[in-house]
Amino acid sequence: MTGWILVDAEATEAAGAALAPLLRVGDVVALHGDLGAGKTSFARGVLAALGFPEEAPSPSFAIVQAYDPPDVSLPVWHVDLYRIDDSDEAAELGLDEALEDGVLLIEWAERLGARLWPDALHLTFEPTPDGARRLTWTVPASWETRWPPREFRTA
């Protein structure tokens, strides 16, 4: 399986920063992994690379944290579905609205079940025995020419 080893939070944020310039309006990025796996650090890297001037808060309690220009160059909804028990609850969040002019970064995306967009880029974060994180991905057709970024592609 193709992937990267992310040795610390800074490397995880750098991987997020590598995604930022590849994002297009309508994109969904599904972030998978256990608590503390690096999903929020990755999202912070994306947001910083899009111009957000502060450390982005985790959306764990708010569930949805929206970022709009001029704070970022592209509208982003950072979503954390950890506290969502039923995919019907997620439908009430209006996530489709974000895709009209921006992108979705969704932590715990598996909680959407069949409601998860089929063309989402799936990124999975797993701890390694040495305390690093392994980032692996599943790439739909709409992402094949974009992910992983050329400078990180493996042979």
C-alpha atoms as a PDB file:
ATOM      1  CA  MET A   1       0.000   0.000   0.000  1.00  0.00           C
ATOM      2  CA  THR A   2       1.319   3.422  -0.915  1.00  0.00           C
ATOM      3  CA  GLY A   3       1.833   5.849   1.917  1.00  0.00           C
ATOM      4  CA  TRP A   4       4.066   8.186   3.866  1.00  0.00           C
ATOM      5  CA  ILE A   5       5.554   7.963   7.328  1.00  0.00           C
ATOM      6  CA  LEU A   6       4.865  11.172   9.231  1.00  0.00           C
ATOM      7  CA  VAL A   7       7.366  11.349  12.088  1.00  0.00           C
ATOM      8  CA  ASP A   8       5.660  14.089  14.111  1.00  0.00           C
ATOM      9  CA  ALA A   9       2.904  16.725  14.143  1.00  0.00           C
ATOM     10  CA  GLU A  10       5.008  19.053  11.979  1.00  0.00           C
ATOM     11  CA  ALA A  11       5.378  16.377   9.296  1.00  0.00           C
ATOM     12  CA  THR A  12       1.636  15.730   9.487  1.00  0.00           C
ATOM     13  CA  GLU A  13       0.917  19.432   9.003  1.00  0.00           C
ATOM     14  CA  ALA A  14       3.386  19.499   6.088  1.00  0.00           C
ATOM     15  CA  ALA A  15       1.457  16.655   4.435  1.00  0.00           C
ATOM     16  CA  GLY A  16      -1.704  18.738   4.834  1.00  0.00           C
ATOM     17  CA  ALA A  17       0.071  21.717   3.322  1.00  0.00           C
ATOM     18  CA  ALA A  18       0.974  19.540   0.328  1.00  0.00           C
ATOM     19  CA  LEU A  19      -2.738  18.861  -0.233  1.00  0.00           C
ATOM     20  CA  ALA A  20      -3.855  22.504  -0.040  1.00  0.00           C
ATOM     21  CA  PRO A  21      -2.797  23.689  -3.526  1.00  0.00           C
ATOM     22  CA  LEU A  22      -4.451  20.625  -5.094  1.00  0.00           C
ATOM     23  CA  LEU A  23      -7.912  21.357  -3.717  1.00  0.00           C
ATOM     24  CA  ARG A  24     -10.744  22.418  -6.020  1.00  0.00           C
ATOM     25  CA  VAL A  25     -14.258  23.633  -5.324  1.00  0.00           C
ATOM     26  CA  GLY A  26     -16.457  20.601  -4.670  1.00  0.00           C
ATOM     27  CA  ASP A  27     -13.709  18.392  -3.211  1.00  0.00           C
ATOM     28  CA  VAL A  28     -14.327  16.136  -0.222  1.00  0.00           C
ATOM     29  CA  VAL A  29     -11.398  14.823   1.803  1.00  0.00           C
ATOM     30  CA  ALA A  30     -12.330  12.034   4.220  1.00  0.00           C
ATOM     31  CA  LEU A  31      -9.912  11.767   7.151  1.00  0.00           C
ATOM     32  CA  HIS A  32      -9.840   8.399   8.929  1.00  0.00           C
ATOM     33  CA  GLY A  33      -8.004   7.255  12.041  1.00  0.00           C
ATOM     34  CA  ASP A  34      -8.361   6.779  15.777  1.00  0.00           C
ATOM     35  CA  LEU A  35      -8.307   9.575  18.334  1.00  0.00           C
ATOM     36  CA  GLY A  36      -4.927  11.291  18.279  1.00  0.00           C
ATOM     37  CA  ALA A  37      -3.950   9.802  14.919  1.00  0.00           C
ATOM     38  CA  GLY A  38      -3.197  13.154  13.268  1.00  0.00           C
ATOM     39  CA  LYS A  39      -6.410  14.092  11.451  1.00  0.00           C
ATOM     40  CA  THR A  40      -6.678  17.543  13.037  1.00  0.00           C
ATOM     41  CA  SER A  41      -2.959  18.251  12.595  1.00  0.00           C
ATOM     42  CA  PHE A  42      -3.311  17.400   8.911  1.00  0.00           C
ATOM     43  CA  ALA A  43      -6.340  19.706   8.584  1.00  0.00           C
ATOM     44  CA  ARG A  44      -4.391  22.476  10.343  1.00  0.00           C
ATOM     45  CA  GLY A  45      -1.669  22.088   7.726  1.00  0.00           C
ATOM     46  CA  VAL A  46      -4.221  22.434   4.930  1.00  0.00           C
ATOM     47  CA  LEU A  47      -5.751  25.538   6.492  1.00  0.00           C
ATOM     48  CA  ALA A  48      -2.375  27.161   7.183  1.00  0.00           C
ATOM     49  CA  ALA A  49      -1.306  26.598   3.577  1.00  0.00           C
ATOM     50  CA  LEU A  50      -4.576  28.186   2.421  1.00  0.00           C
ATOM     51  CA  GLY A  51      -3.651  31.263   4.447  1.00  0.00           C
ATOM     52  CA  PHE A  52      -5.344  30.813   7.824  1.00  0.00           C
ATOM     53  CA  PRO A  53      -3.172  32.962  10.100  1.00  0.00           C
ATOM     54  CA  GLU A  54      -3.767  31.138  13.410  1.00  0.00           C
ATOM     55  CA  GLU A  55      -3.747  27.557  14.650  1.00  0.00           C
ATOM     56  CA  ALA A  56      -7.134  26.228  13.589  1.00  0.00           C
ATOM     57  CA  PRO A  57      -9.176  24.858  16.492  1.00  0.00           C
ATOM     58  CA  SER A  58     -10.419  21.303  16.477  1.00  0.00           C
ATOM     59  CA  PRO A  59     -14.080  21.205  15.437  1.00  0.00           C
ATOM     60  CA  SER A  60     -14.801  18.385  17.923  1.00  0.00           C
ATOM     61  CA  PHE A  61     -17.374  20.354  19.891  1.00  0.00           C
ATOM     62  CA  ALA A  62     -18.602  22.736  17.197  1.00  0.00           C
ATOM     63  CA  ILE A  63     -18.808  19.802  14.728  1.00  0.00           C
ATOM     64  CA  VAL A  64     -18.412  22.237  11.796  1.00  0.00           C
ATOM     65  CA  GLN A  65     -15.853  25.019  11.625  1.00  0.00           C
ATOM     66  CA  ALA A  66     -16.187  27.124   8.469  1.00  0.00           C
ATOM     67  CA  TYR A  67     -13.320  29.183   7.024  1.00  0.00           C
ATOM     68  CA  ASP A  68     -13.960  31.800   4.371  1.00  0.00           C
ATOM     69  CA  PRO A  69     -11.920  34.358   2.422  1.00  0.00           C
ATOM     70  CA  PRO A  70     -10.118  36.540   3.232  1.00  0.00           C
ATOM     71  CA  ASP A  71      -8.888  34.240   6.038  1.00  0.00           C
ATOM     72  CA  VAL A  72      -8.298  31.445   3.500  1.00  0.00           C
ATOM     73  CA  SER A  73      -7.943  31.449  -0.275  1.00  0.00           C
ATOM     74  CA  LEU A  74     -10.652  28.798  -0.725  1.00  0.00           C
ATOM     75  CA  PRO A  75     -13.715  28.274   1.510  1.00  0.00           C
ATOM     76  CA  VAL A  76     -13.258  25.202   3.718  1.00  0.00           C
ATOM     77  CA  TRP A  77     -15.597  23.466   6.119  1.00  0.00           C
ATOM     78  CA  HIS A  78     -13.589  21.459   8.656  1.00  0.00           C
ATOM     79  CA  VAL A  79     -15.977  18.866  10.061  1.00  0.00           C
ATOM     80  CA  ASP A  80     -15.565  16.431  12.952  1.00  0.00           C
ATOM     81  CA  LEU A  81     -18.274  13.759  13.067  1.00  0.00           C
ATOM     82  CA  TYR A  82     -16.971  11.970  16.169  1.00  0.00           C
ATOM     83  CA  ARG A  83     -20.058  12.951  18.178  1.00  0.00           C
ATOM     84  CA  ILE A  84     -22.490  12.021  15.381  1.00  0.00           C
ATOM     85  CA  ASP A  85     -24.118   8.663  16.061  1.00  0.00           C
ATOM     86  CA  ASP A  86     -26.344   8.400  13.022  1.00  0.00           C
ATOM     87  CA  SER A  87     -25.704   9.485   9.436  1.00  0.00           C
ATOM     88  CA  ASP A  88     -29.162  11.098   9.431  1.00  0.00           C
ATOM     89  CA  GLU A  89     -27.853  13.587  12.020  1.00  0.00           C
ATOM     90  CA  ALA A  90     -25.087  14.571   9.600  1.00  0.00           C
ATOM     91  CA  ALA A  91     -27.656  15.352   6.928  1.00  0.00           C
ATOM     92  CA  GLU A  92     -28.869  18.205   9.145  1.00  0.00           C
ATOM     93  CA  LEU A  93     -25.435  19.871   8.984  1.00  0.00           C
ATOM     94  CA  GLY A  94     -25.928  21.055   5.397  1.00  0.00           C
ATOM     95  CA  LEU A  95     -22.566  19.764   4.200  1.00  0.00           C
ATOM     96  CA  ASP A  96     -23.669  19.904   0.554  1.00  0.00           C
ATOM     97  CA  GLU A  97     -23.775  23.697   0.879  1.00  0.00           C
ATOM     98  CA  ALA A  98     -20.012  23.817   1.438  1.00  0.00           C
ATOM     99  CA  LEU A  99     -19.389  22.114  -1.897  1.00  0.00           C
ATOM    100  CA  GLU A 100     -21.116  24.862  -3.855  1.00  0.00           C
ATOM    101  CA  ASP A 101     -18.098  27.159  -3.480  1.00  0.00           C
ATOM    102  CA  GLY A 102     -15.597  25.324  -1.281  1.00  0.00           C
ATOM    103  CA  VAL A 103     -14.308  22.029   0.072  1.00  0.00           C
ATOM    104  CA  LEU A 104     -14.974  19.669   2.961  1.00  0.00           C
ATOM    105  CA  LEU A 105     -12.326  18.206   5.263  1.00  0.00           C
ATOM    106  CA  ILE A 106     -14.201  15.555   7.252  1.00  0.00           C
ATOM    107  CA  GLU A 107     -12.767  13.819  10.317  1.00  0.00           C
ATOM    108  CA  TRP A 108     -14.517  10.552  11.210  1.00  0.00           C
ATOM    109  CA  ALA A 109     -16.025  10.542   7.709  1.00  0.00           C
ATOM    110  CA  GLU A 110     -16.984   6.880   8.037  1.00  0.00           C
ATOM    111  CA  ARG A 111     -19.857   8.033  10.265  1.00  0.00           C
ATOM    112  CA  LEU A 112     -21.570   9.304   7.114  1.00  0.00           C
ATOM    113  CA  GLY A 113     -21.956   5.725   5.888  1.00  0.00           C
ATOM    114  CA  ALA A 114     -23.546   5.633   2.436  1.00  0.00           C
ATOM    115  CA  ARG A 115     -23.965   9.423   2.570  1.00  0.00           C
ATOM    116  CA  LEU A 116     -20.222   9.911   2.020  1.00  0.00           C
ATOM    117  CA  TRP A 117     -19.522  11.246  -1.457  1.00  0.00           C
ATOM    118  CA  PRO A 118     -18.171   8.488  -3.756  1.00  0.00           C
ATOM    119  CA  ASP A 119     -15.487  10.774  -5.212  1.00  0.00           C
ATOM    120  CA  ALA A 120     -13.989  11.651  -1.811  1.00  0.00           C
ATOM    121  CA  LEU A 121     -10.245  11.325  -1.322  1.00  0.00           C
ATOM    122  CA  HIS A 122      -9.778   8.936   1.634  1.00  0.00           C
ATOM    123  CA  LEU A 123      -6.749   9.536   3.852  1.00  0.00           C
ATOM    124  CA  THR A 124      -6.067   7.134   6.726  1.00  0.00           C
ATOM    125  CA  PHE A 125      -3.754   7.872   9.665  1.00  0.00           C
ATOM    126  CA  GLU A 126      -2.382   4.965  11.713  1.00  0.00           C
ATOM    127  CA  PRO A 127       0.146   5.020  14.545  1.00  0.00           C
ATOM    128  CA  THR A 128       3.391   3.106  14.056  1.00  0.00           C
ATOM    129  CA  PRO A 129       5.266   1.277  16.848  1.00  0.00           C
ATOM    130  CA  ASP A 130       7.838   4.092  17.060  1.00  0.00           C
ATOM    131  CA  GLY A 131       5.233   6.817  17.643  1.00  0.00           C
ATOM    132  CA  ALA A 132       5.099   8.138  14.089  1.00  0.00           C
ATOM    133  CA  ARG A 133       2.033   7.966  11.861  1.00  0.00           C
ATOM    134  CA  ARG A 134       1.527   6.135   8.577  1.00  0.00           C
ATOM    135  CA  LEU A 135      -0.625   8.030   6.087  1.00  0.00           C
ATOM    136  CA  THR A 136      -2.219   5.882   3.386  1.00  0.00           C
ATOM    137  CA  TRP A 137      -4.889   6.735   0.858  1.00  0.00           C
ATOM    138  CA  THR A 138      -7.603   5.557  -1.463  1.00  0.00           C
ATOM    139  CA  VAL A 139      -7.773   7.703  -4.590  1.00  0.00           C
ATOM    140  CA  PRO A 140     -10.960   8.000  -6.663  1.00  0.00           C
ATOM    141  CA  ALA A 141     -10.774   8.799 -10.384  1.00  0.00           C
ATOM    142  CA  SER A 142     -11.305  12.528  -9.782  1.00  0.00           C
ATOM    143  CA  TRP A 143      -8.079  12.623  -7.725  1.00  0.00           C
ATOM    144  CA  GLU A 144      -5.816  10.332  -9.786  1.00  0.00           C
ATOM    145  CA  THR A 145      -3.897  13.183 -11.432  1.00  0.00           C
ATOM    146  CA  ARG A 146      -3.681  15.190  -8.209  1.00  0.00           C
ATOM    147  CA  TRP A 147      -2.865  12.863  -5.307  1.00  0.00           C
ATOM    148  CA  PRO A 148      -0.280  12.179  -4.156  1.00  0.00           C
ATOM    149  CA  PRO A 149       1.556  15.379  -5.096  1.00  0.00           C
ATOM    150  CA  ARG A 150       4.255  14.732  -7.684  1.00  0.00           C
ATOM    151  CA  GLU A 151       7.097  15.594  -5.305  1.00  0.00           C
ATOM    152  CA  PHE A 152       5.934  12.859  -2.913  1.00  0.00           C
ATOM    153  CA  ARG A 153       5.033  10.136  -5.409  1.00  0.00           C
ATOM    154  CA  THR A 154       6.763   6.792  -4.921  1.00  0.00           C
ATOM    155  CA  ALA A 155       7.934   4.534  -7.713  1.00  0.00           C
END
